[in-house]
């Protein structure tokens, strides 16, 4: 058997956060096929916890779901580094800062997507100013007990699979599972 070979790329949809490219590939069996690949920027997700073990939870409007859902701080890296994005998103979306930061690794977005999702743990989280929301952001901020956060996880109320992964990585790192 052969190997996978990228033959060409063409832009199918030009959108700032959701561009789609058509990738023509030669498969290991020699046949050619085109795939639609999302080429979005990398994303960071922040699991925030206070010194009193209160977990930062946001409720923000998800356009596709057409409602506010339980969420965590997250954002596209754009032109900043991953770490700079994590710090900026915590400040902008939640009006918070943190005293300690830990990188918890990353995940692929999926088989047909580029750009990884990177996970950060922010410890010593505290409110440090007002939110700095973008026009398209509608975000409420709350701090919940560890017990209530586990209820969010177990009930499926926190539904974004990457945010769930971030939460479990952070809770494991903190030995709270």
C-alpha atoms as a PDB file:
ATOM      1  CA  UNK A   1       0.000   0.000   0.000  1.00  0.00           C
ATOM      2  CA  UNK A   2       1.061   3.576  -0.670  1.00  0.00           C
ATOM      3  CA  UNK A   3       0.630   6.591   1.534  1.00  0.00           C
ATOM      4  CA  UNK A   4      -1.606   9.668   1.687  1.00  0.00           C
ATOM      5  CA  UNK A   5      -0.518  12.547  -0.558  1.00  0.00           C
ATOM      6  CA  UNK A   6      -1.890  16.093  -0.563  1.00  0.00           C
ATOM      7  CA  UNK A   7      -2.260  17.061  -4.233  1.00  0.00           C
ATOM      8  CA  UNK A   8      -3.887  20.487  -4.015  1.00  0.00           C
ATOM      9  CA  UNK A   9      -5.867  22.929  -1.887  1.00  0.00           C
ATOM     10  CA  UNK A  10      -8.514  25.461  -2.890  1.00  0.00           C
ATOM     11  CA  UNK A  11     -10.497  27.892  -0.778  1.00  0.00           C
ATOM     12  CA  UNK A  12     -14.197  26.969  -0.689  1.00  0.00           C
ATOM     13  CA  UNK A  13     -15.403  29.420   1.998  1.00  0.00           C
ATOM     14  CA  UNK A  14     -13.491  32.495   3.121  1.00  0.00           C
ATOM     15  CA  UNK A  15     -14.534  33.291   6.698  1.00  0.00           C
ATOM     16  CA  UNK A  16     -12.388  34.753   9.482  1.00  0.00           C
ATOM     17  CA  UNK A  17     -13.001  31.956  11.990  1.00  0.00           C
ATOM     18  CA  UNK A  18     -14.409  29.152   9.830  1.00  0.00           C
ATOM     19  CA  UNK A  19     -12.595  28.993   6.489  1.00  0.00           C
ATOM     20  CA  UNK A  20     -13.158  25.800   4.517  1.00  0.00           C
ATOM     21  CA  UNK A  21     -10.684  24.422   1.989  1.00  0.00           C
ATOM     22  CA  UNK A  22     -11.083  21.625  -0.527  1.00  0.00           C
ATOM     23  CA  UNK A  23      -8.111  19.281  -0.212  1.00  0.00           C
ATOM     24  CA  UNK A  24      -7.520  16.880  -3.083  1.00  0.00           C
ATOM     25  CA  UNK A  25      -5.786  13.783  -1.726  1.00  0.00           C
ATOM     26  CA  UNK A  26      -4.289  10.664  -3.232  1.00  0.00           C
ATOM     27  CA  UNK A  27      -5.276   7.760  -1.007  1.00  0.00           C
ATOM     28  CA  UNK A  28      -2.975   4.845  -0.199  1.00  0.00           C
ATOM     29  CA  UNK A  29      -4.878   2.730  -2.769  1.00  0.00           C
ATOM     30  CA  UNK A  30      -3.967   5.250  -5.507  1.00  0.00           C
ATOM     31  CA  UNK A  31      -7.446   6.763  -5.901  1.00  0.00           C
ATOM     32  CA  UNK A  32      -8.025  10.514  -5.577  1.00  0.00           C
ATOM     33  CA  UNK A  33     -10.667  12.167  -3.465  1.00  0.00           C
ATOM     34  CA  UNK A  34     -11.541  15.691  -2.325  1.00  0.00           C
ATOM     35  CA  UNK A  35     -12.178  16.506   1.332  1.00  0.00           C
ATOM     36  CA  UNK A  36     -13.664  19.631   2.904  1.00  0.00           C
ATOM     37  CA  UNK A  37     -11.254  20.723   5.643  1.00  0.00           C
ATOM     38  CA  UNK A  38     -11.921  23.417   8.223  1.00  0.00           C
ATOM     39  CA  UNK A  39      -8.770  25.497   8.551  1.00  0.00           C
ATOM     40  CA  UNK A  40      -9.701  27.571  11.609  1.00  0.00           C
ATOM     41  CA  UNK A  41      -7.118  29.173  13.885  1.00  0.00           C
ATOM     42  CA  UNK A  42      -6.021  27.383  17.037  1.00  0.00           C
ATOM     43  CA  UNK A  43      -8.241  27.697  20.119  1.00  0.00           C
ATOM     44  CA  UNK A  44      -7.471  27.970  23.814  1.00  0.00           C
ATOM     45  CA  UNK A  45      -9.793  26.921  26.627  1.00  0.00           C
ATOM     46  CA  UNK A  46      -9.249  28.067  30.207  1.00  0.00           C
ATOM     47  CA  UNK A  47     -10.290  26.150  33.320  1.00  0.00           C
ATOM     48  CA  UNK A  48     -10.341  28.770  36.074  1.00  0.00           C
ATOM     49  CA  UNK A  49     -10.289  28.014  39.784  1.00  0.00           C
ATOM     50  CA  UNK A  50     -10.025  30.352  42.766  1.00  0.00           C
ATOM     51  CA  UNK A  51      -7.853  29.746  45.817  1.00  0.00           C
ATOM     52  CA  UNK A  52     -11.093  28.768  47.600  1.00  0.00           C
ATOM     53  CA  UNK A  53     -11.716  26.009  44.987  1.00  0.00           C
ATOM     54  CA  UNK A  54     -14.550  27.877  43.259  1.00  0.00           C
ATOM     55  CA  UNK A  55     -14.744  27.064  39.545  1.00  0.00           C
ATOM     56  CA  UNK A  56     -15.223  29.821  36.976  1.00  0.00           C
ATOM     57  CA  UNK A  57     -18.221  29.008  34.779  1.00  0.00           C
ATOM     58  CA  UNK A  58     -19.653  31.203  32.081  1.00  0.00           C
ATOM     59  CA  UNK A  59     -23.047  31.042  30.444  1.00  0.00           C
ATOM     60  CA  UNK A  60     -22.817  32.400  26.966  1.00  0.00           C
ATOM     61  CA  UNK A  61     -25.053  32.580  23.975  1.00  0.00           C
ATOM     62  CA  UNK A  62     -24.241  29.855  21.451  1.00  0.00           C
ATOM     63  CA  UNK A  63     -25.530  30.898  18.058  1.00  0.00           C
ATOM     64  CA  UNK A  64     -25.923  27.345  16.708  1.00  0.00           C
ATOM     65  CA  UNK A  65     -27.787  26.181  19.839  1.00  0.00           C
ATOM     66  CA  UNK A  66     -29.871  29.401  19.903  1.00  0.00           C
ATOM     67  CA  UNK A  67     -29.547  29.689  23.697  1.00  0.00           C
ATOM     68  CA  UNK A  68     -27.165  30.424  26.543  1.00  0.00           C
ATOM     69  CA  UNK A  69     -25.219  27.385  27.661  1.00  0.00           C
ATOM     70  CA  UNK A  70     -22.753  26.543  30.414  1.00  0.00           C
ATOM     71  CA  UNK A  71     -19.277  27.178  29.135  1.00  0.00           C
ATOM     72  CA  UNK A  72     -15.707  28.035  30.011  1.00  0.00           C
ATOM     73  CA  UNK A  73     -13.489  30.868  28.848  1.00  0.00           C
ATOM     74  CA  UNK A  74     -12.204  30.184  25.332  1.00  0.00           C
ATOM     75  CA  UNK A  75     -10.988  31.952  22.239  1.00  0.00           C
ATOM     76  CA  UNK A  76      -9.189  31.831  18.908  1.00  0.00           C
ATOM     77  CA  UNK A  77      -5.468  32.582  19.030  1.00  0.00           C
ATOM     78  CA  UNK A  78      -5.612  35.047  16.114  1.00  0.00           C
ATOM     79  CA  UNK A  79      -2.200  36.747  16.111  1.00  0.00           C
ATOM     80  CA  UNK A  80      -1.338  36.157  19.782  1.00  0.00           C
ATOM     81  CA  UNK A  81       0.535  33.229  21.272  1.00  0.00           C
ATOM     82  CA  UNK A  82      -1.552  30.548  22.970  1.00  0.00           C
ATOM     83  CA  UNK A  83      -0.514  31.706  26.443  1.00  0.00           C
ATOM     84  CA  UNK A  84      -1.212  35.367  25.621  1.00  0.00           C
ATOM     85  CA  UNK A  85      -4.612  34.375  24.259  1.00  0.00           C
ATOM     86  CA  UNK A  86      -5.496  32.450  27.427  1.00  0.00           C
ATOM     87  CA  UNK A  87      -4.600  35.414  29.645  1.00  0.00           C
ATOM     88  CA  UNK A  88      -6.439  37.892  27.385  1.00  0.00           C
ATOM     89  CA  UNK A  89      -9.576  35.753  27.078  1.00  0.00           C
ATOM     90  CA  UNK A  90      -9.799  35.326  30.875  1.00  0.00           C
ATOM     91  CA  UNK A  91      -9.626  39.111  31.247  1.00  0.00           C
ATOM     92  CA  UNK A  92     -11.948  39.925  28.338  1.00  0.00           C
ATOM     93  CA  UNK A  93     -14.660  37.284  28.769  1.00  0.00           C
ATOM     94  CA  UNK A  94     -14.714  37.036  32.563  1.00  0.00           C
ATOM     95  CA  UNK A  95     -13.049  40.224  33.831  1.00  0.00           C
ATOM     96  CA  UNK A  96     -10.594  38.021  35.740  1.00  0.00           C
ATOM     97  CA  UNK A  97      -6.897  37.425  36.200  1.00  0.00           C
ATOM     98  CA  UNK A  98      -4.968  34.476  37.636  1.00  0.00           C
ATOM     99  CA  UNK A  99      -1.819  34.085  39.699  1.00  0.00           C
ATOM    100  CA  UNK A 100      -0.684  30.719  38.255  1.00  0.00           C
ATOM    101  CA  UNK A 101      -0.961  29.225  34.768  1.00  0.00           C
ATOM    102  CA  UNK A 102      -0.370  25.648  33.630  1.00  0.00           C
ATOM    103  CA  UNK A 103      -0.499  24.325  30.079  1.00  0.00           C
ATOM    104  CA  UNK A 104      -2.441  21.028  30.055  1.00  0.00           C
ATOM    105  CA  UNK A 105      -1.850  19.891  26.471  1.00  0.00           C
ATOM    106  CA  UNK A 106      -3.974  19.870  23.349  1.00  0.00           C
ATOM    107  CA  UNK A 107      -6.376  17.901  21.174  1.00  0.00           C
ATOM    108  CA  UNK A 108      -6.974  17.684  17.457  1.00  0.00           C
ATOM    109  CA  UNK A 109     -10.266  19.270  16.420  1.00  0.00           C
ATOM    110  CA  UNK A 110     -11.181  16.296  14.318  1.00  0.00           C
ATOM    111  CA  UNK A 111     -10.351  14.322  11.238  1.00  0.00           C
ATOM    112  CA  UNK A 112     -11.323  17.121   8.850  1.00  0.00           C
ATOM    113  CA  UNK A 113     -10.005  20.161  10.722  1.00  0.00           C
ATOM    114  CA  UNK A 114      -6.667  21.860  11.254  1.00  0.00           C
ATOM    115  CA  UNK A 115      -5.675  23.876  14.306  1.00  0.00           C
ATOM    116  CA  UNK A 116      -5.546  22.288  17.708  1.00  0.00           C
ATOM    117  CA  UNK A 117      -7.469  23.083  20.875  1.00  0.00           C
ATOM    118  CA  UNK A 118      -5.107  23.973  23.741  1.00  0.00           C
ATOM    119  CA  UNK A 119      -6.002  23.614  27.405  1.00  0.00           C
ATOM    120  CA  UNK A 120      -4.904  25.897  30.233  1.00  0.00           C
ATOM    121  CA  UNK A 121      -5.412  25.796  33.984  1.00  0.00           C
ATOM    122  CA  UNK A 122      -5.684  29.214  35.621  1.00  0.00           C
ATOM    123  CA  UNK A 123      -5.273  29.066  39.404  1.00  0.00           C
ATOM    124  CA  UNK A 124      -5.796  31.874  41.873  1.00  0.00           C
ATOM    125  CA  UNK A 125      -8.508  33.329  39.657  1.00  0.00           C
ATOM    126  CA  UNK A 126      -9.992  36.596  40.885  1.00  0.00           C
ATOM    127  CA  UNK A 127     -12.197  39.309  39.454  1.00  0.00           C
ATOM    128  CA  UNK A 128      -9.859  42.100  38.412  1.00  0.00           C
ATOM    129  CA  UNK A 129     -12.007  44.396  36.280  1.00  0.00           C
ATOM    130  CA  UNK A 130     -14.974  44.630  33.936  1.00  0.00           C
ATOM    131  CA  UNK A 131     -15.562  42.251  31.050  1.00  0.00           C
ATOM    132  CA  UNK A 132     -14.369  43.467  27.638  1.00  0.00           C
ATOM    133  CA  UNK A 133     -16.815  41.626  25.404  1.00  0.00           C
ATOM    134  CA  UNK A 134     -16.847  41.657  21.643  1.00  0.00           C
ATOM    135  CA  UNK A 135     -20.050  42.783  19.940  1.00  0.00           C
ATOM    136  CA  UNK A 136     -21.048  39.161  19.272  1.00  0.00           C
ATOM    137  CA  UNK A 137     -20.415  37.957  22.840  1.00  0.00           C
ATOM    138  CA  UNK A 138     -23.160  37.626  25.457  1.00  0.00           C
ATOM    139  CA  UNK A 139     -21.497  36.110  28.531  1.00  0.00           C
ATOM    140  CA  UNK A 140     -22.572  35.829  32.184  1.00  0.00           C
ATOM    141  CA  UNK A 141     -19.894  34.902  34.729  1.00  0.00           C
ATOM    142  CA  UNK A 142     -20.306  32.823  37.881  1.00  0.00           C
ATOM    143  CA  UNK A 143     -18.171  30.943  40.373  1.00  0.00           C
ATOM    144  CA  UNK A 144     -19.537  27.573  41.481  1.00  0.00           C
ATOM    145  CA  UNK A 145     -18.501  25.068  44.096  1.00  0.00           C
ATOM    146  CA  UNK A 146     -16.578  22.000  43.051  1.00  0.00           C
ATOM    147  CA  UNK A 147     -19.669  19.909  43.856  1.00  0.00           C
ATOM    148  CA  UNK A 148     -21.869  22.047  41.594  1.00  0.00           C
ATOM    149  CA  UNK A 149     -19.264  21.912  38.836  1.00  0.00           C
ATOM    150  CA  UNK A 150     -19.255  18.111  38.974  1.00  0.00           C
ATOM    151  CA  UNK A 151     -23.048  18.261  38.626  1.00  0.00           C
ATOM    152  CA  UNK A 152     -22.601  20.343  35.442  1.00  0.00           C
ATOM    153  CA  UNK A 153     -20.223  17.719  34.078  1.00  0.00           C
ATOM    154  CA  UNK A 154     -22.283  14.668  35.046  1.00  0.00           C
ATOM    155  CA  UNK A 155     -25.582  16.131  33.880  1.00  0.00           C
ATOM    156  CA  UNK A 156     -24.194  17.032  30.480  1.00  0.00           C
ATOM    157  CA  UNK A 157     -24.997  20.710  30.993  1.00  0.00           C
ATOM    158  CA  UNK A 158     -21.390  21.493  30.041  1.00  0.00           C
ATOM    159  CA  UNK A 159     -21.682  20.072  26.524  1.00  0.00           C
ATOM    160  CA  UNK A 160     -18.732  21.328  24.477  1.00  0.00           C
ATOM    161  CA  UNK A 161     -16.532  18.240  24.163  1.00  0.00           C
ATOM    162  CA  UNK A 162     -13.291  20.248  24.209  1.00  0.00           C
ATOM    163  CA  UNK A 163     -14.361  22.122  27.328  1.00  0.00           C
ATOM    164  CA  UNK A 164     -15.250  18.839  29.008  1.00  0.00           C
ATOM    165  CA  UNK A 165     -11.790  17.518  28.075  1.00  0.00           C
ATOM    166  CA  UNK A 166     -10.174  20.643  29.511  1.00  0.00           C
ATOM    167  CA  UNK A 167     -12.159  20.288  32.731  1.00  0.00           C
ATOM    168  CA  UNK A 168     -11.158  16.660  33.232  1.00  0.00           C
ATOM    169  CA  UNK A 169      -7.502  17.418  32.486  1.00  0.00           C
ATOM    170  CA  UNK A 170      -7.527  20.276  34.994  1.00  0.00           C
ATOM    171  CA  UNK A 171      -9.352  18.307  37.682  1.00  0.00           C
ATOM    172  CA  UNK A 172      -6.948  15.395  37.204  1.00  0.00           C
ATOM    173  CA  UNK A 173      -3.928  17.729  37.365  1.00  0.00           C
ATOM    174  CA  UNK A 174      -5.299  19.222  40.609  1.00  0.00           C
ATOM    175  CA  UNK A 175      -6.028  15.701  41.986  1.00  0.00           C
ATOM    176  CA  UNK A 176      -9.701  16.610  42.428  1.00  0.00           C
ATOM    177  CA  UNK A 177     -11.228  13.675  40.510  1.00  0.00           C
END
